[in-house]
Each structure stands twice: as structure tokens, then as C-alpha cells.
PDB file of all heavy atoms in Angstrom:
ATOM      1  N   ALA A   1      -5.030  89.192 138.470  1.00  0.00           N
ATOM      2  CA  ALA A   1      -4.072  89.814 137.561  1.00  0.00           C
ATOM      3  C   ALA A   1      -4.619  91.127 137.022  1.00  0.00           C
ATOM      4  O   ALA A   1      -5.806  91.263 136.776  1.00  0.00           O
ATOM      5  CB  ALA A   1      -3.766  88.870 136.396  1.00  0.00           C
ATOM      6  N   ALA A   2      -3.729  92.057 136.842  1.00  0.00           N
ATOM      7  CA  ALA A   2      -4.125  93.354 136.287  1.00  0.00           C
ATOM      8  C   ALA A   2      -4.446  93.185 134.811  1.00  0.00           C
ATOM      9  O   ALA A   2      -3.797  92.427 134.106  1.00  0.00           O
ATOM     10  CB  ALA A   2      -3.006  94.373 136.465  1.00  0.00           C
ATOM     11  N   ARG A   3      -5.439  93.887 134.351  1.00  0.00           N
ATOM     12  CA  ARG A   3      -5.834  93.819 132.945  1.00  0.00           C
ATOM     13  C   ARG A   3      -5.130  94.936 132.185  1.00  0.00           C
ATOM     14  O   ARG A   3      -5.089  96.067 132.616  1.00  0.00           O
ATOM     15  CB  ARG A   3      -7.340  93.946 132.825  1.00  0.00           C
ATOM     16  CG  ARG A   3      -8.037  92.760 133.503  1.00  0.00           C
ATOM     17  CD  ARG A   3      -9.504  92.832 133.312  1.00  0.00           C
ATOM     18  NE  ARG A   3      -9.769  92.571 131.894  1.00  0.00           N
ATOM     19  CZ  ARG A   3     -10.977  92.511 131.396  1.00  0.00           C
ATOM     20  NH1 ARG A   3     -12.021  92.686 132.165  1.00  0.00           N
ATOM     21  NH2 ARG A   3     -11.160  92.278 130.127  1.00  0.00           N
ATOM     22  N   THR A   4      -4.602  94.574 131.050  1.00  0.00           N
ATOM     23  CA  THR A   4      -3.932  95.540 130.205  1.00  0.00           C
ATOM     24  C   THR A   4      -4.715  95.634 128.908  1.00  0.00           C
ATOM     25  O   THR A   4      -5.025  94.628 128.293  1.00  0.00           O
ATOM     26  CB  THR A   4      -2.499  95.087 129.890  1.00  0.00           C
ATOM     27  OG1 THR A   4      -1.827  94.861 131.122  1.00  0.00           O
ATOM     28  CG2 THR A   4      -1.764  96.123 129.090  1.00  0.00           C
ATOM     29  N   SER A   5      -5.016  96.819 128.503  1.00  0.00           N
ATOM     30  CA  SER A   5      -5.771  96.993 127.271  1.00  0.00           C
ATOM     31  C   SER A   5      -4.834  96.959 126.074  1.00  0.00           C
ATOM     32  O   SER A   5      -3.644  97.204 126.189  1.00  0.00           O
ATOM     33  CB  SER A   5      -6.539  98.312 127.292  1.00  0.00           C
ATOM     34  OG  SER A   5      -5.635  99.382 127.175  1.00  0.00           O
ATOM     35  N   ILE A   6      -5.417  96.647 124.937  1.00  0.00           N
ATOM     36  CA  ILE A   6      -4.652  96.653 123.693  1.00  0.00           C
ATOM     37  C   ILE A   6      -4.095  98.047 123.437  1.00  0.00           C
ATOM     38  O   ILE A   6      -2.998  98.217 122.942  1.00  0.00           O
ATOM     39  CB  ILE A   6      -5.554  96.226 122.509  1.00  0.00           C
ATOM     40  CG1 ILE A   6      -6.021  94.788 122.695  1.00  0.00           C
ATOM     41  CG2 ILE A   6      -4.851  96.414 121.182  1.00  0.00           C
ATOM     42  CD1 ILE A   6      -4.939  93.760 122.649  1.00  0.00           C
ATOM     43  N   LYS A   7      -4.827  99.068 123.828  1.00  0.00           N
ATOM     44  CA  LYS A   7      -4.407 100.443 123.601  1.00  0.00           C
ATOM     45  C   LYS A   7      -3.051 100.741 124.256  1.00  0.00           C
ATOM     46  O   LYS A   7      -2.266 101.515 123.740  1.00  0.00           O
ATOM     47  CB  LYS A   7      -5.481 101.394 124.123  1.00  0.00           C
ATOM     48  CG  LYS A   7      -5.282 102.803 123.661  1.00  0.00           C
ATOM     49  CD  LYS A   7      -6.478 103.651 124.024  1.00  0.00           C
ATOM     50  CE  LYS A   7      -6.306 105.014 123.409  1.00  0.00           C
ATOM     51  NZ  LYS A   7      -7.452 105.853 123.615  1.00  0.00           N
ATOM     52  N   SER A   8      -2.761 100.092 125.385  1.00  0.00           N
ATOM     53  CA  SER A   8      -1.489 100.356 126.063  1.00  0.00           C
ATOM     54  C   SER A   8      -0.296  99.857 125.258  1.00  0.00           C
ATOM     55  O   SER A   8       0.816 100.302 125.453  1.00  0.00           O
ATOM     56  CB  SER A   8      -1.479  99.750 127.466  1.00  0.00           C
ATOM     57  OG  SER A   8      -1.492  98.345 127.377  1.00  0.00           O
ATOM     58  N   PHE A   9      -0.534  98.916 124.345  1.00  0.00           N
ATOM     59  CA  PHE A   9       0.554  98.407 123.509  1.00  0.00           C
ATOM     60  C   PHE A   9       0.677  99.181 122.202  1.00  0.00           C
ATOM     61  O   PHE A   9       1.637  99.033 121.487  1.00  0.00           O
ATOM     62  CB  PHE A   9       0.345  96.917 123.192  1.00  0.00           C
ATOM     63  CG  PHE A   9       0.512  96.038 124.391  1.00  0.00           C
ATOM     64  CD1 PHE A   9      -0.565  95.354 124.926  1.00  0.00           C
ATOM     65  CD2 PHE A   9       1.743  95.902 124.999  1.00  0.00           C
ATOM     66  CE1 PHE A   9      -0.407  94.548 126.029  1.00  0.00           C
ATOM     67  CE2 PHE A   9       1.904  95.094 126.106  1.00  0.00           C
ATOM     68  CZ  PHE A   9       0.829  94.414 126.619  1.00  0.00           C
ATOM     69  N   ALA A  10      -0.314  99.961 121.882  1.00  0.00           N
ATOM     70  CA  ALA A  10      -0.295 100.721 120.631  1.00  0.00           C
ATOM     71  C   ALA A  10       0.695 101.873 120.747  1.00  0.00           C
ATOM     72  O   ALA A  10       0.812 102.496 121.795  1.00  0.00           O
ATOM     73  CB  ALA A  10      -1.687 101.263 120.326  1.00  0.00           C
ATOM     74  N   PRO A  11       1.409 102.147 119.651  1.00  0.00           N
ATOM     75  CA  PRO A  11       2.349 103.271 119.701  1.00  0.00           C
ATOM     76  C   PRO A  11       1.607 104.601 119.797  1.00  0.00           C
ATOM     77  O   PRO A  11       0.506 104.747 119.290  1.00  0.00           O
ATOM     78  CB  PRO A  11       3.109 103.160 118.387  1.00  0.00           C
ATOM     79  CG  PRO A  11       2.262 102.325 117.500  1.00  0.00           C
ATOM     80  CD  PRO A  11       1.426 101.458 118.375  1.00  0.00           C
ATOM     81  N   SER A  12       2.233 105.540 120.463  1.00  0.00           N
ATOM     82  CA  SER A  12       1.634 106.864 120.583  1.00  0.00           C
ATOM     83  C   SER A  12       1.795 107.620 119.270  1.00  0.00           C
ATOM     84  O   SER A  12       2.575 107.232 118.404  1.00  0.00           O
ATOM     85  CB  SER A  12       2.307 107.647 121.705  1.00  0.00           C
ATOM     86  OG  SER A  12       3.641 107.946 121.333  1.00  0.00           O
ATOM     87  N   THR A  13       1.064 108.713 119.136  1.00  0.00           N
ATOM     88  CA  THR A  13       1.166 109.540 117.931  1.00  0.00           C
ATOM     89  C   THR A  13       2.580 110.065 117.764  1.00  0.00           C
ATOM     90  O   THR A  13       3.126 110.066 116.654  1.00  0.00           O
ATOM     91  CB  THR A  13       0.176 110.725 118.018  1.00  0.00           C
ATOM     92  OG1 THR A  13      -1.103 110.213 118.351  1.00  0.00           O
ATOM     93  CG2 THR A  13       0.108 111.468 116.717  1.00  0.00           C
ATOM     94  N   SER A  14       3.223 110.470 118.852  1.00  0.00           N
ATOM     95  CA  SER A  14       4.599 110.980 118.751  1.00  0.00           C
ATOM     96  C   SER A  14       5.564 109.860 118.364  1.00  0.00           C
ATOM     97  O   SER A  14       6.526 110.094 117.643  1.00  0.00           O
ATOM     98  CB  SER A  14       5.031 111.643 120.048  1.00  0.00           C
ATOM     99  OG  SER A  14       5.072 110.702 121.093  1.00  0.00           O
ATOM    100  N   ASP A  15       5.297 108.642 118.826  1.00  0.00           N
ATOM    101  CA  ASP A  15       6.144 107.510 118.481  1.00  0.00           C
ATOM    102  C   ASP A  15       6.051 107.213 116.984  1.00  0.00           C
ATOM    103  O   ASP A  15       7.055 106.970 116.317  1.00  0.00           O
ATOM    104  CB  ASP A  15       5.751 106.272 119.291  1.00  0.00           C
ATOM    105  CG  ASP A  15       6.711 105.116 119.103  1.00  0.00           C
ATOM    106  OD1 ASP A  15       7.933 105.363 119.096  1.00  0.00           O
ATOM    107  OD2 ASP A  15       6.238 103.979 118.960  1.00  0.00           O
ATOM    108  N   ILE A  16       4.835 107.266 116.443  1.00  0.00           N
ATOM    109  CA  ILE A  16       4.651 107.037 115.015  1.00  0.00           C
ATOM    110  C   ILE A  16       5.357 108.134 114.219  1.00  0.00           C
ATOM    111  O   ILE A  16       6.038 107.854 113.233  1.00  0.00           O
ATOM    112  CB  ILE A  16       3.148 106.972 114.666  1.00  0.00           C
ATOM    113  CG1 ILE A  16       2.541 105.722 115.297  1.00  0.00           C
ATOM    114  CG2 ILE A  16       2.934 106.981 113.155  1.00  0.00           C
ATOM    115  CD1 ILE A  16       1.038 105.656 115.254  1.00  0.00           C
ATOM    116  N   ALA A  17       5.248 109.367 114.665  1.00  0.00           N
ATOM    117  CA  ALA A  17       5.931 110.474 113.985  1.00  0.00           C
ATOM    118  C   ALA A  17       7.446 110.305 114.059  1.00  0.00           C
ATOM    119  O   ALA A  17       8.152 110.540 113.077  1.00  0.00           O
ATOM    120  CB  ALA A  17       5.520 111.809 114.607  1.00  0.00           C
ATOM    121  N   ASP A  18       7.953 109.887 115.230  1.00  0.00           N
ATOM    122  CA  ASP A  18       9.393 109.658 115.369  1.00  0.00           C
ATOM    123  C   ASP A  18       9.876 108.582 114.404  1.00  0.00           C
ATOM    124  O   ASP A  18      10.935 108.702 113.795  1.00  0.00           O
ATOM    125  CB  ASP A  18       9.751 109.240 116.803  1.00  0.00           C
ATOM    126  CG  ASP A  18       9.708 110.393 117.781  1.00  0.00           C
ATOM    127  OD1 ASP A  18       9.556 111.551 117.335  1.00  0.00           O
ATOM    128  OD2 ASP A  18       9.807 110.123 118.993  1.00  0.00           O
ATOM    129  N   ARG A  19       9.107 107.512 114.263  1.00  0.00           N
ATOM    130  CA  ARG A  19       9.495 106.439 113.350  1.00  0.00           C
ATOM    131  C   ARG A  19       9.485 106.925 111.914  1.00  0.00           C
ATOM    132  O   ARG A  19      10.358 106.580 111.127  1.00  0.00           O
ATOM    133  CB  ARG A  19       8.550 105.240 113.500  1.00  0.00           C
ATOM    134  CG  ARG A  19       8.750 104.478 114.769  1.00  0.00           C
ATOM    135  CD  ARG A  19       7.830 103.305 114.841  1.00  0.00           C
ATOM    136  NE  ARG A  19       7.869 102.722 116.170  1.00  0.00           N
ATOM    137  CZ  ARG A  19       7.381 101.544 116.469  1.00  0.00           C
ATOM    138  NH1 ARG A  19       6.797 100.824 115.552  1.00  0.00           N
ATOM    139  NH2 ARG A  19       7.448 101.084 117.696  1.00  0.00           N
ATOM    140  N   ALA A  20       8.467 107.686 111.555  1.00  0.00           N
ATOM    141  CA  ALA A  20       8.335 108.156 110.181  1.00  0.00           C
ATOM    142  C   ALA A  20       9.442 109.134 109.805  1.00  0.00           C
ATOM    143  O   ALA A  20       9.952 109.109 108.692  1.00  0.00           O
ATOM    144  CB  ALA A  20       6.974 108.808 109.970  1.00  0.00           C
ATOM    145  N   THR A  21       9.837 109.973 110.725  1.00  0.00           N
ATOM    146  CA  THR A  21      10.845 110.990 110.417  1.00  0.00           C
ATOM    147  C   THR A  21      12.245 110.590 110.832  1.00  0.00           C
ATOM    148  O   THR A  21      13.199 111.282 110.511  1.00  0.00           O
ATOM    149  CB  THR A  21      10.489 112.318 111.123  1.00  0.00           C
ATOM    150  OG1 THR A  21      10.484 112.105 112.533  1.00  0.00           O
ATOM    151  CG2 THR A  21       9.150 112.851 110.661  1.00  0.00           C
ATOM    152  N   GLY A  22      12.372 109.486 111.570  1.00  0.00           N
ATOM    153  CA  GLY A  22      13.695 109.064 112.028  1.00  0.00           C
ATOM    154  C   GLY A  22      14.213 109.914 113.160  1.00  0.00           C
ATOM    155  O   GLY A  22      15.407 109.982 113.385  1.00  0.00           O
ATOM    156  N   THR A  23      13.316 110.632 113.865  1.00  0.00           N
ATOM    157  CA  THR A  23      13.762 111.476 114.961  1.00  0.00           C
ATOM    158  C   THR A  23      13.886 110.667 116.231  1.00  0.00           C
ATOM    159  O   THR A  23      13.504 109.520 116.300  1.00  0.00           O
ATOM    160  CB  THR A  23      12.791 112.654 115.176  1.00  0.00           C
ATOM    161  OG1 THR A  23      11.500 112.124 115.475  1.00  0.00           O
ATOM    162  CG2 THR A  23      12.727 113.533 113.959  1.00  0.00           C
ATOM    163  N   GLY A  24      14.358 111.311 117.253  1.00  0.00           N
ATOM    164  CA  GLY A  24      14.634 110.642 118.513  1.00  0.00           C
ATOM    165  C   GLY A  24      16.126 110.394 118.595  1.00  0.00           C
ATOM    166  O   GLY A  24      16.830 110.386 117.590  1.00  0.00           O
ATOM    167  N   SER A  25      16.593 110.205 119.794  1.00  0.00           N
ATOM    168  CA  SER A  25      18.020 109.961 119.967  1.00  0.00           C
ATOM    169  C   SER A  25      18.396 108.610 119.371  1.00  0.00           C
ATOM    170  O   SER A  25      17.546 107.759 119.113  1.00  0.00           O
ATOM    171  CB  SER A  25      18.366 109.989 121.456  1.00  0.00           C
ATOM    172  OG  SER A  25      17.875 108.823 122.092  1.00  0.00           O
ATOM    173  N   VAL A  26      19.669 108.416 119.152  1.00  0.00           N
ATOM    174  CA  VAL A  26      20.154 107.143 118.635  1.00  0.00           C
ATOM    175  C   VAL A  26      19.756 106.027 119.589  1.00  0.00           C
ATOM    176  O   VAL A  26      19.302 104.962 119.153  1.00  0.00           O
ATOM    177  CB  VAL A  26      21.683 107.186 118.425  1.00  0.00           C
ATOM    178  CG1 VAL A  26      22.225 105.818 118.075  1.00  0.00           C
ATOM    179  CG2 VAL A  26      22.056 108.205 117.374  1.00  0.00           C
ATOM    180  N   LEU A  27      19.905 106.259 120.885  1.00  0.00           N
ATOM    181  CA  LEU A  27      19.538 105.240 121.860  1.00  0.00           C
ATOM    182  C   LEU A  27      18.040 104.931 121.794  1.00  0.00           C
ATOM    183  O   LEU A  27      17.644 103.777 121.892  1.00  0.00           O
ATOM    184  CB  LEU A  27      19.947 105.673 123.278  1.00  0.00           C
ATOM    185  CG  LEU A  27      19.825 104.605 124.355  1.00  0.00           C
ATOM    186  CD1 LEU A  27      20.623 103.355 124.002  1.00  0.00           C
ATOM    187  CD2 LEU A  27      20.281 105.159 125.697  1.00  0.00           C
ATOM    188  N   GLN A  28      17.209 105.948 121.602  1.00  0.00           N
ATOM    189  CA  GLN A  28      15.775 105.711 121.460  1.00  0.00           C
ATOM    190  C   GLN A  28      15.480 104.846 120.244  1.00  0.00           C
ATOM    191  O   GLN A  28      14.670 103.925 120.316  1.00  0.00           O
ATOM    192  CB  GLN A  28      15.008 107.032 121.336  1.00  0.00           C
ATOM    193  CG  GLN A  28      14.836 107.760 122.645  1.00  0.00           C
ATOM    194  CD  GLN A  28      14.169 109.109 122.422  1.00  0.00           C
ATOM    195  OE1 GLN A  28      14.596 109.894 121.590  1.00  0.00           O
ATOM    196  NE2 GLN A  28      13.126 109.361 123.189  1.00  0.00           N
ATOM    197  N   ARG A  29      16.136 105.138 119.144  1.00  0.00           N
ATOM    198  CA  ARG A  29      15.892 104.365 117.926  1.00  0.00           C
ATOM    199  C   ARG A  29      16.421 102.942 118.058  1.00  0.00           C
ATOM    200  O   ARG A  29      15.836 102.008 117.522  1.00  0.00           O
ATOM    201  CB  ARG A  29      16.497 105.065 116.727  1.00  0.00           C
ATOM    202  CG  ARG A  29      15.729 106.339 116.383  1.00  0.00           C
ATOM    203  CD  ARG A  29      16.174 106.931 115.080  1.00  0.00           C
ATOM    204  NE  ARG A  29      17.613 107.105 115.035  1.00  0.00           N
ATOM    205  CZ  ARG A  29      18.225 108.208 114.672  1.00  0.00           C
ATOM    206  NH1 ARG A  29      17.538 109.248 114.289  1.00  0.00           N
ATOM    207  NH2 ARG A  29      19.534 108.286 114.665  1.00  0.00           N
ATOM    208  N   LEU A  30      17.537 102.751 118.762  1.00  0.00           N
ATOM    209  CA  LEU A  30      18.090 101.405 118.947  1.00  0.00           C
ATOM    210  C   LEU A  30      17.236 100.546 119.867  1.00  0.00           C
ATOM    211  O   LEU A  30      17.155  99.338 119.686  1.00  0.00           O
ATOM    212  CB  LEU A  30      19.512 101.476 119.516  1.00  0.00           C
ATOM    213  CG  LEU A  30      20.611 101.837 118.544  1.00  0.00           C
ATOM    214  CD1 LEU A  30      21.925 102.011 119.287  1.00  0.00           C
ATOM    215  CD2 LEU A  30      20.748 100.773 117.462  1.00  0.00           C
TER     216      LEU A  30
END
């Protein structure tokens, strides 16, 4: 089986910024 690191599940910096500011398309947020 392929090994997946915990880091691959962590949100990216842009993802955290999108969540904090509410940016991203409606579909992305949904």
C-alpha cells in the first residue's frame, strides 16, 4: 500500500486564507 503522510491531509496556506476570508467560489466553499 502507498504511504500517505499526515502533511498531505493538512490544509494548504491558501486554503487556510480562503477559509479565513471566505474567498473562493461558492462551489469551492460548499
